[in-house]
Protein backbone atom coordinates (compact mmCIF):
# COMPACT_ATOMS: atom_id res chain seq x y z
CA MET A 1 47.03 136.48 138.68
CA ARG A 2 49.22 137.54 141.61
CA ASN A 3 47.28 139.42 144.31
CA ARG A 4 44.00 139.16 142.38
CA ILE A 5 41.01 138.21 144.52
CA VAL A 6 39.16 135.15 143.22
CA THR A 7 35.96 133.92 144.88
CA VAL A 8 35.31 130.21 144.33
CA PHE A 9 31.82 128.96 145.17
CA GLY A 10 31.96 125.27 146.07
CA GLY A 11 35.72 125.54 146.55
CA SER A 12 35.93 122.74 149.12
CA GLY A 13 34.49 120.16 146.72
CA PHE A 14 35.97 117.74 144.19
CA ILE A 15 37.07 120.27 141.55
CA GLY A 16 37.44 123.06 144.09
CA ARG A 17 40.33 121.61 146.08
CA HIS A 18 42.39 121.20 142.89
CA LEU A 19 41.47 124.65 141.62
CA VAL A 20 42.23 126.41 144.91
CA GLN A 21 45.70 124.86 144.93
CA ARG A 22 46.44 126.07 141.41
CA LEU A 23 45.15 129.57 142.10
CA ALA A 24 47.25 129.80 145.26
CA GLU A 25 50.34 128.70 143.34
CA ARG A 26 49.70 131.55 140.90
CA GLY A 27 49.59 134.05 143.76
CA ALA A 28 45.84 134.74 143.87
CA VAL A 29 43.99 135.51 147.09
CA VAL A 30 41.27 132.85 147.16
CA ARG A 31 37.94 133.21 148.92
CA VAL A 32 36.44 129.76 149.33
CA ALA A 33 32.69 130.37 149.50
CA VAL A 34 30.98 127.33 151.05
CA ARG A 35 27.98 126.64 153.26
CA ASP A 36 30.18 125.50 156.16
CA PRO A 37 33.60 127.21 156.29
CA GLU A 38 34.82 124.50 158.69
CA ASP A 39 34.74 122.08 155.75
CA ALA A 40 37.22 124.28 153.86
CA LEU A 41 39.83 124.75 156.60
CA TYR A 42 41.92 121.91 155.16
CA LEU A 43 42.61 124.12 152.12
CA LYS A 44 44.40 126.87 154.06
CA PRO A 45 47.85 125.14 154.11
CA MET A 46 47.83 125.23 150.29
CA GLY A 47 48.68 128.94 150.44
CA GLU A 48 50.52 131.51 152.50
CA ILE A 49 49.04 132.96 155.69
CA GLY A 50 45.82 134.76 154.81
CA GLN A 51 45.94 133.75 151.14
CA ILE A 52 43.08 131.22 151.31
CA VAL A 53 40.02 132.50 153.17
CA PRO A 54 37.00 130.24 153.79
CA MET A 55 33.73 132.20 153.83
CA ALA A 56 30.16 131.22 154.69
CA ALA A 57 27.96 131.53 151.60
CA SER A 58 25.17 129.68 149.85
CA VAL A 59 24.17 130.09 146.20
CA THR A 60 20.56 130.26 147.41
CA ASP A 61 21.27 133.22 149.72
CA PRO A 62 21.89 136.46 147.73
CA ALA A 63 23.10 138.39 150.78
CA SER A 64 25.86 135.87 151.55
CA ILE A 65 26.83 135.79 147.86
CA ALA A 66 27.17 139.58 147.79
CA ARG A 67 29.52 139.48 150.79
CA ALA A 68 31.64 136.77 149.19
CA VAL A 69 32.10 138.57 145.86
CA ALA A 70 32.54 142.12 147.17
CA GLY A 71 35.78 143.49 145.69
CA ALA A 72 36.57 140.24 143.84
CA ASP A 73 38.39 140.41 140.51
CA ALA A 74 37.03 137.05 139.38
CA VAL A 75 34.31 134.63 140.41
CA VAL A 76 34.08 130.87 139.79
CA ASN A 77 30.91 128.88 140.40
CA LEU A 78 31.51 125.15 140.85
CA VAL A 79 28.29 124.37 142.71
CA GLY A 80 26.13 121.53 141.40
CA ILE A 81 24.25 118.46 142.60
CA LEU A 82 23.78 115.02 141.04
CA SER A 83 20.48 114.22 142.75
CA GLU A 84 17.74 116.16 144.48
CA TRP A 85 16.97 115.99 148.19
CA GLY A 86 14.58 118.21 150.11
CA LYS A 87 15.02 121.88 149.20
CA ARG A 88 18.18 121.15 147.22
CA THR A 89 16.49 120.79 143.86
CA PHE A 90 18.05 121.05 140.41
CA GLN A 91 16.03 124.18 139.66
CA ARG A 92 17.08 125.88 142.90
CA ILE A 93 20.80 125.04 142.67
CA HIS A 94 21.55 124.85 138.95
CA VAL A 95 19.33 127.68 137.69
CA GLU A 96 18.39 130.03 140.53
CA GLY A 97 21.73 129.59 142.32
CA ALA A 98 23.71 130.17 139.13
CA LYS A 99 21.65 133.29 138.41
CA ASN A 100 22.25 134.61 141.94
CA VAL A 101 26.03 134.22 141.61
CA ALA A 102 26.14 135.81 138.13
CA GLU A 103 24.02 138.78 139.17
CA ALA A 104 26.13 139.36 142.27
CA ALA A 105 29.39 139.11 140.28
CA ALA A 106 28.10 141.69 137.79
CA ALA A 107 26.90 144.01 140.54
CA ALA A 108 30.26 143.76 142.33
CA GLY A 109 32.14 144.71 139.17
CA ALA A 110 34.04 141.43 138.80
CA ARG A 111 36.07 141.37 135.61
CA SER A 112 35.45 137.71 134.88
CA LEU A 113 33.06 134.91 135.76
CA ILE A 114 33.52 131.21 135.10
CA HIS A 115 30.48 129.00 135.42
CA VAL A 116 31.07 125.25 135.49
CA SER A 117 28.18 123.42 133.88
CA ALA A 118 28.25 119.87 132.48
CA LEU A 119 28.82 118.08 129.20
CA GLY A 120 25.38 117.16 127.92
CA ALA A 121 23.65 120.33 129.15
CA ASP A 122 20.64 120.62 126.87
CA PRO A 123 17.27 122.35 127.30
CA ASP A 124 15.63 119.44 125.41
CA SER A 125 17.30 116.63 127.36
CA PRO A 126 15.06 113.96 128.95
CA SER A 127 17.15 114.45 132.10
CA ALA A 128 16.16 117.21 134.54
CA TYR A 129 19.83 117.46 135.54
CA ALA A 130 20.90 118.29 131.97
CA ARG A 131 17.92 120.61 131.35
CA THR A 132 18.62 122.66 134.47
CA LYS A 133 22.32 122.80 133.67
CA ALA A 134 21.33 124.37 130.35
CA GLY A 135 18.92 126.67 132.16
CA GLY A 136 21.73 127.75 134.47
CA GLU A 137 23.96 128.57 131.52
CA ALA A 138 21.25 130.76 130.00
CA ALA A 139 20.65 132.56 133.31
CA VAL A 140 24.37 133.23 133.71
CA LYS A 141 24.70 134.62 130.20
CA ASP A 142 21.73 136.93 130.76
CA ALA A 143 23.22 138.35 133.95
CA PHE A 144 26.91 138.34 132.94
CA PRO A 145 27.27 138.25 129.11
CA GLY A 146 31.06 137.86 129.24
CA ALA A 147 30.93 134.74 131.41
CA VAL A 148 32.87 131.66 130.30
CA ILE A 149 30.92 128.41 130.44
CA ILE A 150 32.89 125.22 131.07
CA ARG A 151 31.29 121.84 130.40
CA PRO A 152 33.38 118.94 131.73
CA GLY A 153 32.58 115.33 131.00
CA VAL A 154 32.60 112.61 133.66
CA ILE A 155 35.36 113.76 135.99
CA PHE A 156 37.78 111.30 137.56
CA GLY A 157 40.49 111.72 140.15
CA PRO A 158 41.48 110.62 143.67
CA GLU A 159 38.20 111.76 145.23
CA ASP A 160 35.82 110.76 142.41
CA ASN A 161 32.50 108.99 142.95
CA PHE A 162 32.74 106.92 139.78
CA PHE A 163 35.86 104.74 139.61
CA ASN A 164 36.22 104.68 143.40
CA LEU A 165 32.63 103.48 143.74
CA PHE A 166 32.94 100.59 141.30
CA ALA A 167 36.42 99.65 142.49
CA GLY A 168 35.01 99.46 146.02
CA LEU A 169 32.18 97.23 144.84
CA THR A 170 34.67 94.65 143.56
CA ARG A 171 35.55 93.88 147.18
CA PHE A 172 32.02 92.67 147.85
CA THR A 173 30.46 91.49 144.60
CA PRO A 174 31.50 89.13 141.79
CA VAL A 175 29.81 91.29 139.13
CA LEU A 176 29.90 94.85 137.80
CA PRO A 177 27.08 96.44 135.76
CA VAL A 178 27.30 97.59 132.16
CA PHE A 179 24.59 100.20 131.72
CA GLY A 180 22.81 100.51 128.39
CA CYS A 181 23.16 96.99 127.03
CA PRO A 182 20.34 95.56 124.87
CA THR A 183 17.29 94.26 126.71
CA LEU A 184 17.42 91.06 124.66
CA PRO A 185 20.62 89.38 123.40
CA LYS A 186 21.30 89.31 119.68
CA LEU A 187 21.80 85.90 118.12
CA THR A 188 24.00 85.44 115.03
CA PHE A 189 24.05 82.10 113.20
CA PHE A 190 27.04 80.97 111.13
CA GLY A 191 28.91 84.26 111.34
CA GLU A 192 32.53 85.22 111.90
CA HIS A 193 32.28 84.07 115.54
CA GLY A 194 31.17 80.55 114.71
CA PRO A 195 27.90 78.68 114.14
CA LEU A 196 26.15 80.53 116.99
CA HIS A 197 27.12 83.82 118.61
CA VAL A 198 25.19 85.43 121.47
CA ASP A 199 25.80 89.19 121.79
CA ILE A 200 24.72 90.36 125.24
CA TYR A 201 26.59 93.69 125.29
CA GLY A 202 25.66 95.31 121.97
CA ASP A 203 27.86 98.40 121.55
CA GLY A 204 29.04 98.13 125.15
CA GLY A 205 26.54 100.59 126.56
CA SER A 206 26.80 104.35 126.89
CA ARG A 207 29.90 106.16 125.55
CA MET A 208 31.84 108.53 127.79
CA GLN A 209 34.90 110.76 127.57
CA PRO A 210 36.20 110.93 131.16
CA VAL A 211 38.41 113.88 132.09
CA TYR A 212 40.97 114.20 134.88
CA VAL A 213 39.99 116.66 137.63
CA GLY A 214 43.44 118.24 137.63
CA ASP A 215 43.10 119.05 133.94
CA VAL A 216 39.70 120.68 134.51
CA ALA A 217 41.15 122.79 137.34
CA GLU A 218 44.11 123.79 135.17
CA ALA A 219 41.78 124.81 132.34
CA ILE A 220 39.84 127.09 134.70
CA ALA A 221 43.08 128.64 135.95
CA VAL A 222 44.29 129.24 132.38
CA VAL A 223 41.03 131.02 131.50
CA LEU A 224 41.34 133.20 134.60
CA ASP A 225 44.93 134.03 133.61
CA ASP A 226 43.80 135.41 130.24
CA PRO A 227 41.46 138.42 130.52
CA SER A 228 40.78 138.26 126.78
CA MET A 229 38.80 135.04 127.19
CA GLU A 230 35.17 136.08 127.35
CA SER A 231 31.80 134.68 126.31
CA LEU A 232 33.23 131.27 125.48
CA THR A 233 31.76 127.81 125.97
CA LEU A 234 34.41 125.13 126.44
CA GLU A 235 33.73 121.38 126.41
CA LEU A 236 36.34 119.41 128.33
CA GLY A 237 36.84 115.71 127.76
CA GLY A 238 39.85 113.45 128.09
CA PRO A 239 41.78 112.04 125.12
CA GLY A 240 39.85 108.75 125.07
CA VAL A 241 36.23 107.81 124.35
CA TYR A 242 35.06 104.58 126.01
CA SER A 243 31.92 102.50 126.12
CA TYR A 244 30.64 101.73 129.60
CA LYS A 245 31.90 98.16 129.17
CA ALA A 246 35.36 99.41 128.18
CA LEU A 247 35.48 101.61 131.31
CA MET A 248 34.66 98.65 133.55
CA GLU A 249 37.32 96.57 131.77
CA LEU A 250 39.86 99.36 132.26
CA LEU A 251 38.95 99.56 135.94
CA LEU A 252 39.38 95.82 136.46
CA LYS A 253 42.70 95.81 134.62
CA THR A 254 43.93 98.70 136.75
CA ILE A 255 43.10 97.04 140.08
CA GLY A 256 44.11 93.54 138.95
CA ARG A 257 40.76 91.87 139.61
CA ARG A 258 38.45 89.67 137.58
CA ARG A 259 34.71 90.21 137.76
CA LEU A 260 31.78 89.24 135.57
CA LEU A 261 30.45 92.20 133.58
CA LEU A 262 26.68 91.98 133.85
CA PRO A 263 24.54 93.54 131.07
CA TYR A 264 22.24 96.07 132.72
CA PRO A 265 19.52 97.27 130.31
CA PHE A 266 18.02 100.66 131.12
CA ALA A 267 14.54 99.14 131.54
CA LEU A 268 15.78 96.95 134.40
CA ALA A 269 17.97 99.70 135.86
CA ARG A 270 15.00 102.09 136.03
CA MET A 271 13.06 99.64 138.21
CA HIS A 272 15.95 99.38 140.66
CA ALA A 273 16.58 103.14 140.58
CA TRP A 274 12.98 103.81 141.64
CA PHE A 275 13.91 102.34 145.04
CA LEU A 276 17.51 103.55 145.24
CA GLU A 277 16.70 107.20 144.49
CA LYS A 278 14.75 107.45 147.74
CA TRP A 279 17.99 107.28 149.74
CA PRO A 280 19.56 110.59 150.89
CA THR A 281 22.67 109.77 148.81
CA PRO A 282 21.40 107.40 146.12
CA LEU A 283 23.68 105.10 144.14
CA ILE A 284 21.65 105.81 141.00
CA THR A 285 18.47 107.68 140.10
CA ARG A 286 16.08 107.45 137.18
CA ASP A 287 17.14 110.92 136.12
CA GLN A 288 20.80 109.84 136.00
CA LEU A 289 19.77 106.91 133.84
CA ARG A 290 18.04 109.31 131.43
CA LEU A 291 21.32 111.18 131.23
CA LEU A 292 23.21 107.94 130.56
CA GLU A 293 20.94 107.12 127.63
CA ARG A 294 22.80 109.77 125.64
CA ASP A 295 26.53 109.56 124.89
CA ASN A 296 28.57 111.94 127.05
CA VAL A 297 31.28 113.06 124.62
CA VAL A 298 32.71 116.36 123.38
CA ALA A 299 31.20 117.73 120.16
CA GLU A 300 33.63 117.72 117.22
CA THR A 301 33.25 121.46 116.66
CA ALA A 302 33.45 122.49 120.33
CA LEU A 303 36.23 124.58 121.83
CA GLY A 304 38.23 122.67 124.40
CA PHE A 305 41.64 121.85 125.81
CA LYS A 306 43.48 122.35 122.53
CA ASP A 307 42.22 125.93 122.35
CA LEU A 308 43.75 126.57 125.78
CA GLY A 309 47.07 125.04 124.81
CA LEU A 310 46.53 122.09 127.15
CA LYS A 311 46.85 118.36 126.62
CA PRO A 312 44.59 116.30 128.92
CA LYS A 313 45.98 113.20 130.59
CA PRO A 314 44.60 109.76 129.67
CA ALA A 315 42.72 107.73 132.24
CA GLU A 316 45.26 104.91 131.85
CA ALA A 317 47.99 107.19 133.26
CA ILE A 318 46.03 108.51 136.25
CA LEU A 319 43.83 105.66 137.50
CA PRO A 320 46.70 103.49 138.84
CA THR A 321 47.92 106.39 141.00
CA TYR A 322 44.85 106.33 143.24
CA LEU A 323 43.11 102.98 142.67
CA LYS A 324 46.09 100.90 143.79
CA ARG A 325 44.51 100.47 147.24
CA PHE A 326 41.83 98.29 145.63
CA ARG A 327 44.35 95.77 144.29
CA PRO A 328 44.40 92.36 146.01
CA VAL A 329 46.79 92.15 148.95
CA GLY A 330 50.30 91.23 147.83
CA GLN A 331 49.71 92.15 144.19
CA PRO A 332 52.25 94.70 142.89
CA SER A 333 50.98 98.16 141.96
CA THR A 334 50.98 99.32 138.33
CA ALA A 335 50.90 103.00 139.26
CA ALA A 336 52.63 105.24 136.78
CA ALA A 337 55.90 106.74 137.91
């Protein structure tokens, strides 16, 4: 990859910062295409002088995209949103923006294009997020047939908005939610748990397969390193599958805190989300809840890490390295060496 020019759209974001570092280590010249280049200046020390170049570009502006990809050997599109606000709609970013990048990459003669979608992308999903992710994949394939589609699961890492969010909540609240529990508890009389057992969690809520951001970035870099990889769809999930309840238990164990896990049926969550989604940066939206109603796990037949020769890291090994700041004062850290 040495001296190859790689344009990364959304390179200053969560996945982007890890990817840019790996590309720089491999000797690539990295153009970081972002709406505000000032936000990407912190990436420049990851490479040699002139190796990492922030550029002003928006996936909704074809002219700026064309400038960013001119002469590029490879293009990576990491741009996506979790909720809509104003003109930044799912259709505009996930579908039209993805199409704009793919068309520009093809016109510029780029040898490879990697489009990062999402696990659960499905044209028939009840979630607009997942439907438009699928629509973006189709638009990319139409414009650049050799593009590689990467579908990561819930991504965790030092800058994530999942574990950091709930770990932060433990400082202020005695409870944590478990999404997807039954609306009504199940009663069992004279069973293995005694004369009366009240099941309030059911299967523990939605199932997820969280994946470490560094492993996702490494997978993208490996694909870029191998020109023979074309027209693939890769699903990236970590080595463990957890219920929502199990993830909250893992979080609490990692930060050494005890909190009540509160069953949070989707019917109740939807009522709260109706109010919360009106914030500029909502904690949860009704569309995200529709996405949560389906398990977010890698299909058994899907291509993934093993096909790239990679072994993803378990959440248990990574979470202590960046959640230790949420442990009670004076409690020793359990961070992995």
